[in-house]
């Protein structure tokens, strides 16, 4: 039986993504862990077969801790991805007046997705960031009627809270991309694929442009580029790139070979089936 980890405990958006990913699996054991690092490390140690983790949100961008861990701390591959529409819910203890809340507990990504709502409707409430939305709901329940939480509707049901407002995110077009990671290196091409890499270049003019020109030369569509500090000298960065295609495609293979030659740090993060967003379902 596959053991698949997710950012827990029960009542997180990542649990919803893990449940969706495993709905076609007849035998899969879902395991909630307290934070993203521990979830990925459990796969690295072989305690889990796979992990489902949040990777990128349409409003708040990438989950930086995931990028950093994949680049520097583990030797894992992205094997699949899925995209979920995210609806943020404000929840309180039964009978509480949400307009008089003094504290709000939620995950940093959810806080960012509801920034305008919080500033407009709950300016008096102090914001407390938690390791997961489920933990935020748990903290709100423990604090009583002065505290509220933001997260998935299921968290209110699990922790005995009352739902007062739904869809409080600042934009309706709120989607999160989740990735499935593991040690499997058998990347079988699907009908539509995506490939992810991370690299650094020499610190001189035109170095990054040289890499981007390689994808242009091979007519490969780049769908994402993002920089993160290199954990070395200030002002030095590593770059995460997603491109269309599978590494077994001749053009992709040749382009990646050239990129590897032109970089001073290079890490292949996987080729995997491209997810359909719910906008296209």
C-alpha atoms as a PDB file:
ATOM      1  CA  UNK A   1       0.000   0.000   0.000  1.00  0.00           C
ATOM      2  CA  UNK A   2       1.301   3.430  -0.956  1.00  0.00           C
ATOM      3  CA  UNK A   3       1.944   5.822   1.930  1.00  0.00           C
ATOM      4  CA  UNK A   4       1.303   9.366   0.772  1.00  0.00           C
ATOM      5  CA  UNK A   5       2.043  12.345   2.997  1.00  0.00           C
ATOM      6  CA  UNK A   6       0.406  15.762   2.961  1.00  0.00           C
ATOM      7  CA  UNK A   7       0.515  18.993   4.958  1.00  0.00           C
ATOM      8  CA  UNK A   8      -1.794  18.168   7.829  1.00  0.00           C
ATOM      9  CA  UNK A   9      -3.511  17.661  10.103  1.00  0.00           C
ATOM     10  CA  UNK A  10      -6.965  16.909   8.703  1.00  0.00           C
ATOM     11  CA  UNK A  11      -8.766  19.937   7.339  1.00  0.00           C
ATOM     12  CA  UNK A  12      -6.204  21.487   4.986  1.00  0.00           C
ATOM     13  CA  UNK A  13      -6.422  22.296   1.302  1.00  0.00           C
ATOM     14  CA  UNK A  14      -3.452  19.988   0.812  1.00  0.00           C
ATOM     15  CA  UNK A  15      -5.473  17.118   2.250  1.00  0.00           C
ATOM     16  CA  UNK A  16      -8.149  17.861  -0.352  1.00  0.00           C
ATOM     17  CA  UNK A  17      -5.493  17.737  -3.064  1.00  0.00           C
ATOM     18  CA  UNK A  18      -4.127  14.451  -1.714  1.00  0.00           C
ATOM     19  CA  UNK A  19      -7.615  12.950  -1.625  1.00  0.00           C
ATOM     20  CA  UNK A  20      -8.193  14.005  -5.226  1.00  0.00           C
ATOM     21  CA  UNK A  21      -4.852  12.574  -6.303  1.00  0.00           C
ATOM     22  CA  UNK A  22      -5.563   9.220  -4.652  1.00  0.00           C
ATOM     23  CA  UNK A  23      -9.220   8.848  -5.605  1.00  0.00           C
ATOM     24  CA  UNK A  24      -8.234   6.443  -8.382  1.00  0.00           C
ATOM     25  CA  UNK A  25      -5.894   4.505  -6.105  1.00  0.00           C
ATOM     26  CA  UNK A  26      -7.526   1.436  -4.605  1.00  0.00           C
ATOM     27  CA  UNK A  27      -4.912   1.187  -1.878  1.00  0.00           C
ATOM     28  CA  UNK A  28      -3.342   4.349  -0.502  1.00  0.00           C
ATOM     29  CA  UNK A  29      -2.698   5.424   3.075  1.00  0.00           C
ATOM     30  CA  UNK A  30      -2.831   9.211   3.544  1.00  0.00           C
ATOM     31  CA  UNK A  31      -0.615  10.564   6.322  1.00  0.00           C
ATOM     32  CA  UNK A  32      -0.892  14.145   7.590  1.00  0.00           C
ATOM     33  CA  UNK A  33       2.339  15.753   8.821  1.00  0.00           C
ATOM     34  CA  UNK A  34       2.741  19.002  10.771  1.00  0.00           C
ATOM     35  CA  UNK A  35       4.703  21.055   8.224  1.00  0.00           C
ATOM     36  CA  UNK A  36       6.022  21.049   4.672  1.00  0.00           C
ATOM     37  CA  UNK A  37       9.657  20.347   5.579  1.00  0.00           C
ATOM     38  CA  UNK A  38       8.798  17.286   7.643  1.00  0.00           C
ATOM     39  CA  UNK A  39       6.525  16.022   4.869  1.00  0.00           C
ATOM     40  CA  UNK A  40       9.303  16.225   2.275  1.00  0.00           C
ATOM     41  CA  UNK A  41      11.937  14.849   4.637  1.00  0.00           C
ATOM     42  CA  UNK A  42       9.752  11.820   5.384  1.00  0.00           C
ATOM     43  CA  UNK A  43       9.792  10.997   1.666  1.00  0.00           C
ATOM     44  CA  UNK A  44      13.549  11.579   1.524  1.00  0.00           C
ATOM     45  CA  UNK A  45      14.060   9.163   4.434  1.00  0.00           C
ATOM     46  CA  UNK A  46      11.854   6.537   2.802  1.00  0.00           C
ATOM     47  CA  UNK A  47       9.139   6.707   5.451  1.00  0.00           C
ATOM     48  CA  UNK A  48       6.635   7.807   2.794  1.00  0.00           C
ATOM     49  CA  UNK A  49       6.361   6.824  -0.853  1.00  0.00           C
ATOM     50  CA  UNK A  50       5.039  10.179  -2.053  1.00  0.00           C
ATOM     51  CA  UNK A  51       4.041  13.587  -0.757  1.00  0.00           C
ATOM     52  CA  UNK A  52       1.468  16.096  -1.987  1.00  0.00           C
ATOM     53  CA  UNK A  53       2.533  19.661  -1.272  1.00  0.00           C
ATOM     54  CA  UNK A  54       1.360  23.165  -2.253  1.00  0.00           C
ATOM     55  CA  UNK A  55       3.658  24.681  -4.872  1.00  0.00           C
ATOM     56  CA  UNK A  56       2.148  27.852  -6.284  1.00  0.00           C
ATOM     57  CA  UNK A  57      -0.930  30.051  -5.847  1.00  0.00           C
ATOM     58  CA  UNK A  58      -2.456  32.295  -8.493  1.00  0.00           C
ATOM     59  CA  UNK A  59      -2.677  35.230  -6.040  1.00  0.00           C
ATOM     60  CA  UNK A  60       0.325  34.764  -3.755  1.00  0.00           C
ATOM     61  CA  UNK A  61       2.829  33.092  -6.062  1.00  0.00           C
ATOM     62  CA  UNK A  62       5.184  30.250  -5.196  1.00  0.00           C
ATOM     63  CA  UNK A  63       5.534  28.617  -1.792  1.00  0.00           C
ATOM     64  CA  UNK A  64       9.151  29.630  -1.205  1.00  0.00           C
ATOM     65  CA  UNK A  65       9.986  27.008   1.398  1.00  0.00           C
ATOM     66  CA  UNK A  66       9.090  24.296  -1.124  1.00  0.00           C
ATOM     67  CA  UNK A  67      11.396  25.792  -3.759  1.00  0.00           C
ATOM     68  CA  UNK A  68      14.266  26.012  -1.293  1.00  0.00           C
ATOM     69  CA  UNK A  69      13.885  22.472   0.031  1.00  0.00           C
ATOM     70  CA  UNK A  70      13.635  20.947  -3.442  1.00  0.00           C
ATOM     71  CA  UNK A  71      16.734  22.853  -4.544  1.00  0.00           C
ATOM     72  CA  UNK A  72      19.002  22.286  -1.557  1.00  0.00           C
ATOM     73  CA  UNK A  73      17.764  19.769   0.997  1.00  0.00           C
ATOM     74  CA  UNK A  74      16.284  16.712  -0.734  1.00  0.00           C
ATOM     75  CA  UNK A  75      16.849  14.556  -3.782  1.00  0.00           C
ATOM     76  CA  UNK A  76      13.226  14.229  -4.914  1.00  0.00           C
ATOM     77  CA  UNK A  77      11.414  14.525  -8.226  1.00  0.00           C
ATOM     78  CA  UNK A  78       8.117  16.156  -9.171  1.00  0.00           C
ATOM     79  CA  UNK A  79       6.023  13.271 -10.521  1.00  0.00           C
ATOM     80  CA  UNK A  80       2.652  14.910 -11.055  1.00  0.00           C
ATOM     81  CA  UNK A  81       0.680  18.090 -10.458  1.00  0.00           C
ATOM     82  CA  UNK A  82      -2.920  19.074  -9.875  1.00  0.00           C
ATOM     83  CA  UNK A  83      -4.720  22.400  -9.598  1.00  0.00           C
ATOM     84  CA  UNK A  84      -7.535  23.149  -7.143  1.00  0.00           C
ATOM     85  CA  UNK A  85      -9.845  26.127  -6.923  1.00  0.00           C
ATOM     86  CA  UNK A  86      -9.376  27.615  -3.441  1.00  0.00           C
ATOM     87  CA  UNK A  87     -12.306  29.043  -1.476  1.00  0.00           C
ATOM     88  CA  UNK A  88     -11.362  30.704   1.807  1.00  0.00           C
ATOM     89  CA  UNK A  89     -13.840  30.555   4.703  1.00  0.00           C
ATOM     90  CA  UNK A  90     -14.028  32.651   7.867  1.00  0.00           C
ATOM     91  CA  UNK A  91     -14.936  30.479  10.859  1.00  0.00           C
ATOM     92  CA  UNK A  92     -15.574  31.253  14.542  1.00  0.00           C
ATOM     93  CA  UNK A  93     -16.684  29.565  17.742  1.00  0.00           C
ATOM     94  CA  UNK A  94     -20.472  29.034  17.827  1.00  0.00           C
ATOM     95  CA  UNK A  95     -22.266  32.217  18.822  1.00  0.00           C
ATOM     96  CA  UNK A  96     -19.293  34.541  18.321  1.00  0.00           C
ATOM     97  CA  UNK A  97     -19.722  37.902  16.562  1.00  0.00           C
ATOM     98  CA  UNK A  98     -17.196  37.818  13.715  1.00  0.00           C
ATOM     99  CA  UNK A  99     -17.084  41.615  13.435  1.00  0.00           C
ATOM    100  CA  UNK A 100     -15.672  41.822  16.982  1.00  0.00           C
ATOM    101  CA  UNK A 101     -12.895  39.243  16.620  1.00  0.00           C
ATOM    102  CA  UNK A 102      -9.600  40.180  18.264  1.00  0.00           C
ATOM    103  CA  UNK A 103      -7.482  37.416  16.715  1.00  0.00           C
ATOM    104  CA  UNK A 104      -7.310  35.598  13.395  1.00  0.00           C
ATOM    105  CA  UNK A 105      -5.377  32.349  12.916  1.00  0.00           C
ATOM    106  CA  UNK A 106      -4.435  31.087   9.461  1.00  0.00           C
ATOM    107  CA  UNK A 107      -1.643  29.859   7.203  1.00  0.00           C
ATOM    108  CA  UNK A 108       0.532  32.578   5.563  1.00  0.00           C
ATOM    109  CA  UNK A 109      -0.732  31.739   2.067  1.00  0.00           C
ATOM    110  CA  UNK A 110      -4.370  32.088   3.140  1.00  0.00           C
ATOM    111  CA  UNK A 111      -3.582  35.334   4.937  1.00  0.00           C
ATOM    112  CA  UNK A 112      -2.088  36.729   1.730  1.00  0.00           C
ATOM    113  CA  UNK A 113      -5.054  35.601  -0.346  1.00  0.00           C
ATOM    114  CA  UNK A 114      -7.427  37.446   2.032  1.00  0.00           C
ATOM    115  CA  UNK A 115      -5.325  40.544   2.687  1.00  0.00           C
ATOM    116  CA  UNK A 116      -7.891  43.084   1.481  1.00  0.00           C
ATOM    117  CA  UNK A 117     -10.721  41.364   3.348  1.00  0.00           C
ATOM    118  CA  UNK A 118      -8.779  41.458   6.606  1.00  0.00           C
ATOM    119  CA  UNK A 119      -7.758  45.089   6.196  1.00  0.00           C
ATOM    120  CA  UNK A 120     -11.294  46.182   5.286  1.00  0.00           C
ATOM    121  CA  UNK A 121     -13.484  44.117   7.591  1.00  0.00           C
ATOM    122  CA  UNK A 122     -11.262  43.057  10.509  1.00  0.00           C
ATOM    123  CA  UNK A 123      -8.664  45.831  10.966  1.00  0.00           C
ATOM    124  CA  UNK A 124      -8.769  45.410  14.745  1.00  0.00           C
ATOM    125  CA  UNK A 125      -7.923  41.694  14.682  1.00  0.00           C
ATOM    126  CA  UNK A 126      -4.326  40.617  15.280  1.00  0.00           C
ATOM    127  CA  UNK A 127      -3.155  38.115  12.691  1.00  0.00           C
ATOM    128  CA  UNK A 128      -1.399  34.930  13.847  1.00  0.00           C
ATOM    129  CA  UNK A 129       0.253  32.781  11.172  1.00  0.00           C
ATOM    130  CA  UNK A 130       0.139  29.021  11.674  1.00  0.00           C
ATOM    131  CA  UNK A 131       1.827  25.998  10.085  1.00  0.00           C
ATOM    132  CA  UNK A 132      -1.425  24.949   8.415  1.00  0.00           C
ATOM    133  CA  UNK A 133      -5.039  26.077   8.105  1.00  0.00           C
ATOM    134  CA  UNK A 134      -6.113  23.110  10.200  1.00  0.00           C
ATOM    135  CA  UNK A 135      -3.812  24.261  13.001  1.00  0.00           C
ATOM    136  CA  UNK A 136      -5.298  27.741  12.632  1.00  0.00           C
ATOM    137  CA  UNK A 137      -8.799  26.353  13.112  1.00  0.00           C
ATOM    138  CA  UNK A 138      -7.587  24.365  16.123  1.00  0.00           C
ATOM    139  CA  UNK A 139      -6.067  27.482  17.688  1.00  0.00           C
ATOM    140  CA  UNK A 140      -9.259  29.486  17.108  1.00  0.00           C
ATOM    141  CA  UNK A 141     -11.320  26.759  18.772  1.00  0.00           C
ATOM    142  CA  UNK A 142      -8.991  26.751  21.794  1.00  0.00           C
ATOM    143  CA  UNK A 143      -9.043  30.558  22.131  1.00  0.00           C
ATOM    144  CA  UNK A 144     -12.842  30.802  22.135  1.00  0.00           C
ATOM    145  CA  UNK A 145     -15.180  33.539  20.960  1.00  0.00           C
ATOM    146  CA  UNK A 146     -12.546  36.257  20.567  1.00  0.00           C
ATOM    147  CA  UNK A 147     -10.704  34.283  17.870  1.00  0.00           C
ATOM    148  CA  UNK A 148     -11.479  33.291  14.317  1.00  0.00           C
ATOM    149  CA  UNK A 149      -9.745  31.282  11.601  1.00  0.00           C
ATOM    150  CA  UNK A 150      -9.485  31.336   7.822  1.00  0.00           C
ATOM    151  CA  UNK A 151      -9.235  28.151   5.800  1.00  0.00           C
ATOM    152  CA  UNK A 152     -11.213  25.428   4.033  1.00  0.00           C
ATOM    153  CA  UNK A 153     -14.828  24.776   4.911  1.00  0.00           C
ATOM    154  CA  UNK A 154     -13.929  21.248   6.029  1.00  0.00           C
ATOM    155  CA  UNK A 155     -11.767  22.639   8.840  1.00  0.00           C
ATOM    156  CA  UNK A 156     -14.816  24.257  10.450  1.00  0.00           C
ATOM    157  CA  UNK A 157     -16.624  20.933  10.441  1.00  0.00           C
ATOM    158  CA  UNK A 158     -13.651  19.043  11.890  1.00  0.00           C
ATOM    159  CA  UNK A 159     -12.924  21.507  14.697  1.00  0.00           C
ATOM    160  CA  UNK A 160     -16.496  22.386  15.615  1.00  0.00           C
ATOM    161  CA  UNK A 161     -16.453  25.969  14.391  1.00  0.00           C
ATOM    162  CA  UNK A 162     -19.250  27.971  12.824  1.00  0.00           C
ATOM    163  CA  UNK A 163     -18.919  29.171   9.236  1.00  0.00           C
ATOM    164  CA  UNK A 164     -19.827  32.849   8.975  1.00  0.00           C
ATOM    165  CA  UNK A 165     -18.500  33.910   5.540  1.00  0.00           C
ATOM    166  CA  UNK A 166     -17.339  31.962   2.495  1.00  0.00           C
ATOM    167  CA  UNK A 167     -15.295  32.983  -0.560  1.00  0.00           C
ATOM    168  CA  UNK A 168     -13.546  35.791   1.294  1.00  0.00           C
ATOM    169  CA  UNK A 169     -10.404  35.613  -0.873  1.00  0.00           C
ATOM    170  CA  UNK A 170      -9.565  38.893  -2.583  1.00  0.00           C
ATOM    171  CA  UNK A 171     -10.045  37.470  -6.100  1.00  0.00           C
ATOM    172  CA  UNK A 172     -12.396  34.778  -7.364  1.00  0.00           C
ATOM    173  CA  UNK A 173      -9.714  33.446  -9.689  1.00  0.00           C
ATOM    174  CA  UNK A 174      -7.907  31.748  -6.794  1.00  0.00           C
ATOM    175  CA  UNK A 175      -6.175  28.500  -7.723  1.00  0.00           C
ATOM    176  CA  UNK A 176      -3.368  26.557  -6.074  1.00  0.00           C
ATOM    177  CA  UNK A 177      -1.024  24.249  -7.910  1.00  0.00           C
ATOM    178  CA  UNK A 178      -0.036  21.186  -5.894  1.00  0.00           C
ATOM    179  CA  UNK A 179       2.783  18.835  -6.843  1.00  0.00           C
ATOM    180  CA  UNK A 180       3.336  15.175  -6.069  1.00  0.00           C
ATOM    181  CA  UNK A 181       6.949  14.383  -5.219  1.00  0.00           C
ATOM    182  CA  UNK A 182       8.840  11.139  -4.732  1.00  0.00           C
ATOM    183  CA  UNK A 183      12.000   9.245  -5.614  1.00  0.00           C
ATOM    184  CA  UNK A 184      10.610   7.492  -8.685  1.00  0.00           C
ATOM    185  CA  UNK A 185      12.655   8.264 -11.802  1.00  0.00           C
ATOM    186  CA  UNK A 186      10.386   6.484 -14.280  1.00  0.00           C
ATOM    187  CA  UNK A 187       8.928   9.554 -15.991  1.00  0.00           C
ATOM    188  CA  UNK A 188       6.502   8.142 -18.562  1.00  0.00           C
ATOM    189  CA  UNK A 189       5.320  10.856 -20.991  1.00  0.00           C
ATOM    190  CA  UNK A 190       1.651  11.846 -20.981  1.00  0.00           C
ATOM    191  CA  UNK A 191      -0.269  13.631 -23.727  1.00  0.00           C
ATOM    192  CA  UNK A 192       0.792  17.038 -22.347  1.00  0.00           C
ATOM    193  CA  UNK A 193       3.848  17.389 -20.137  1.00  0.00           C
ATOM    194  CA  UNK A 194       5.780  19.921 -18.117  1.00  0.00           C
ATOM    195  CA  UNK A 195       9.440  19.896 -17.072  1.00  0.00           C
ATOM    196  CA  UNK A 196      10.941  21.732 -14.093  1.00  0.00           C
ATOM    197  CA  UNK A 197      14.589  22.616 -13.456  1.00  0.00           C
ATOM    198  CA  UNK A 198      16.597  24.860 -11.123  1.00  0.00           C
ATOM    199  CA  UNK A 199      19.992  26.355 -11.923  1.00  0.00           C
ATOM    200  CA  UNK A 200      22.399  29.220 -11.373  1.00  0.00           C
ATOM    201  CA  UNK A 201      24.600  31.065 -13.848  1.00  0.00           C
ATOM    202  CA  UNK A 202      27.868  32.937 -13.741  1.00  0.00           C
ATOM    203  CA  UNK A 203      27.547  36.394 -12.205  1.00  0.00           C
ATOM    204  CA  UNK A 204      28.197  38.387 -15.355  1.00  0.00           C
ATOM    205  CA  UNK A 205      26.127  40.322 -17.904  1.00  0.00           C
ATOM    206  CA  UNK A 206      24.004  38.240 -20.248  1.00  0.00           C
ATOM    207  CA  UNK A 207      24.353  34.926 -18.401  1.00  0.00           C
ATOM    208  CA  UNK A 208      20.643  34.451 -17.739  1.00  0.00           C
ATOM    209  CA  UNK A 209      19.702  35.769 -21.181  1.00  0.00           C
ATOM    210  CA  UNK A 210      21.980  33.121 -22.691  1.00  0.00           C
ATOM    211  CA  UNK A 211      19.997  30.392 -20.945  1.00  0.00           C
ATOM    212  CA  UNK A 212      16.647  31.829 -22.003  1.00  0.00           C
ATOM    213  CA  UNK A 213      17.866  32.074 -25.584  1.00  0.00           C
ATOM    214  CA  UNK A 214      18.426  28.316 -25.567  1.00  0.00           C
ATOM    215  CA  UNK A 215      14.715  27.670 -25.053  1.00  0.00           C
ATOM    216  CA  UNK A 216      13.904  30.223 -27.741  1.00  0.00           C
ATOM    217  CA  UNK A 217      16.328  28.550 -30.146  1.00  0.00           C
ATOM    218  CA  UNK A 218      14.609  25.177 -29.678  1.00  0.00           C
ATOM    219  CA  UNK A 219      11.146  26.800 -29.808  1.00  0.00           C
ATOM    220  CA  UNK A 220      10.265  25.616 -26.283  1.00  0.00           C
ATOM    221  CA  UNK A 221       7.590  27.497 -24.341  1.00  0.00           C
ATOM    222  CA  UNK A 222       8.654  28.618 -20.860  1.00  0.00           C
ATOM    223  CA  UNK A 223       5.689  28.833 -18.466  1.00  0.00           C
ATOM    224  CA  UNK A 224       7.411  29.968 -15.259  1.00  0.00           C
ATOM    225  CA  UNK A 225      10.613  31.608 -14.110  1.00  0.00           C
ATOM    226  CA  UNK A 226      11.351  32.572 -10.531  1.00  0.00           C
ATOM    227  CA  UNK A 227      14.478  33.486  -8.596  1.00  0.00           C
ATOM    228  CA  UNK A 228      15.478  32.598  -5.047  1.00  0.00           C
ATOM    229  CA  UNK A 229      18.578  33.594  -3.031  1.00  0.00           C
ATOM    230  CA  UNK A 230      21.452  31.201  -3.630  1.00  0.00           C
ATOM    231  CA  UNK A 231      22.203  30.867   0.091  1.00  0.00           C
ATOM    232  CA  UNK A 232      25.668  32.146  -0.668  1.00  0.00           C
ATOM    233  CA  UNK A 233      26.762  35.665  -1.451  1.00  0.00           C
ATOM    234  CA  UNK A 234      24.239  38.505  -1.243  1.00  0.00           C
ATOM    235  CA  UNK A 235      22.871  39.335  -4.685  1.00  0.00           C
ATOM    236  CA  UNK A 236      23.424  35.834  -6.126  1.00  0.00           C
ATOM    237  CA  UNK A 237      20.362  33.826  -7.158  1.00  0.00           C
ATOM    238  CA  UNK A 238      19.174  30.484  -8.416  1.00  0.00           C
ATOM    239  CA  UNK A 239      16.412  30.281 -11.020  1.00  0.00           C
ATOM    240  CA  UNK A 240      13.444  27.922 -11.190  1.00  0.00           C
ATOM    241  CA  UNK A 241      12.013  27.364 -14.659  1.00  0.00           C
ATOM    242  CA  UNK A 242       9.047  25.363 -15.969  1.00  0.00           C
ATOM    243  CA  UNK A 243       8.842  24.550 -19.655  1.00  0.00           C
ATOM    244  CA  UNK A 244       6.337  22.719 -21.825  1.00  0.00           C
ATOM    245  CA  UNK A 245       7.369  19.239 -22.875  1.00  0.00           C
ATOM    246  CA  UNK A 246       8.988  16.057 -21.554  1.00  0.00           C
ATOM    247  CA  UNK A 247      12.705  15.485 -21.149  1.00  0.00           C
ATOM    248  CA  UNK A 248      12.479  12.548 -23.574  1.00  0.00           C
ATOM    249  CA  UNK A 249      11.290  14.908 -26.342  1.00  0.00           C
ATOM    250  CA  UNK A 250      14.321  15.432 -28.604  1.00  0.00           C
ATOM    251  CA  UNK A 251      14.149  19.231 -28.528  1.00  0.00           C
ATOM    252  CA  UNK A 252      13.667  19.359 -24.752  1.00  0.00           C
ATOM    253  CA  UNK A 253      16.488  16.856 -24.218  1.00  0.00           C
ATOM    254  CA  UNK A 254      18.886  18.842 -26.401  1.00  0.00           C
ATOM    255  CA  UNK A 255      17.918  22.164 -24.830  1.00  0.00           C
ATOM    256  CA  UNK A 256      18.392  20.846 -21.289  1.00  0.00           C
ATOM    257  CA  UNK A 257      21.764  19.376 -22.237  1.00  0.00           C
ATOM    258  CA  UNK A 258      22.884  22.794 -23.440  1.00  0.00           C
ATOM    259  CA  UNK A 259      21.480  24.519 -20.330  1.00  0.00           C
ATOM    260  CA  UNK A 260      23.420  22.118 -18.115  1.00  0.00           C
ATOM    261  CA  UNK A 261      26.632  22.961 -19.970  1.00  0.00           C
ATOM    262  CA  UNK A 262      26.063  26.697 -19.578  1.00  0.00           C
ATOM    263  CA  UNK A 263      25.262  26.731 -15.842  1.00  0.00           C
ATOM    264  CA  UNK A 264      27.409  26.347 -12.735  1.00  0.00           C
ATOM    265  CA  UNK A 265      24.603  24.688 -10.768  1.00  0.00           C
ATOM    266  CA  UNK A 266      21.880  22.594 -12.379  1.00  0.00           C
ATOM    267  CA  UNK A 267      19.225  20.278 -10.954  1.00  0.00           C
ATOM    268  CA  UNK A 268      16.533  18.433 -12.868  1.00  0.00           C
ATOM    269  CA  UNK A 269      13.285  18.468 -10.856  1.00  0.00           C
ATOM    270  CA  UNK A 270      11.192  16.227 -13.097  1.00  0.00           C
ATOM    271  CA  UNK A 271       9.036  15.805 -16.184  1.00  0.00           C
ATOM    272  CA  UNK A 272       5.399  15.092 -15.394  1.00  0.00           C
ATOM    273  CA  UNK A 273       1.833  15.315 -16.748  1.00  0.00           C
ATOM    274  CA  UNK A 274       0.529  18.852 -17.056  1.00  0.00           C
ATOM    275  CA  UNK A 275      -2.538  19.551 -14.920  1.00  0.00           C
ATOM    276  CA  UNK A 276      -5.777  20.934 -16.242  1.00  0.00           C
ATOM    277  CA  UNK A 277      -7.053  23.877 -14.246  1.00  0.00           C
ATOM    278  CA  UNK A 278     -10.627  23.775 -13.068  1.00  0.00           C
ATOM    279  CA  UNK A 279     -11.236  26.711 -15.415  1.00  0.00           C
ATOM    280  CA  UNK A 280     -10.932  24.261 -18.297  1.00  0.00           C
ATOM    281  CA  UNK A 281     -12.827  21.309 -16.834  1.00  0.00           C
END
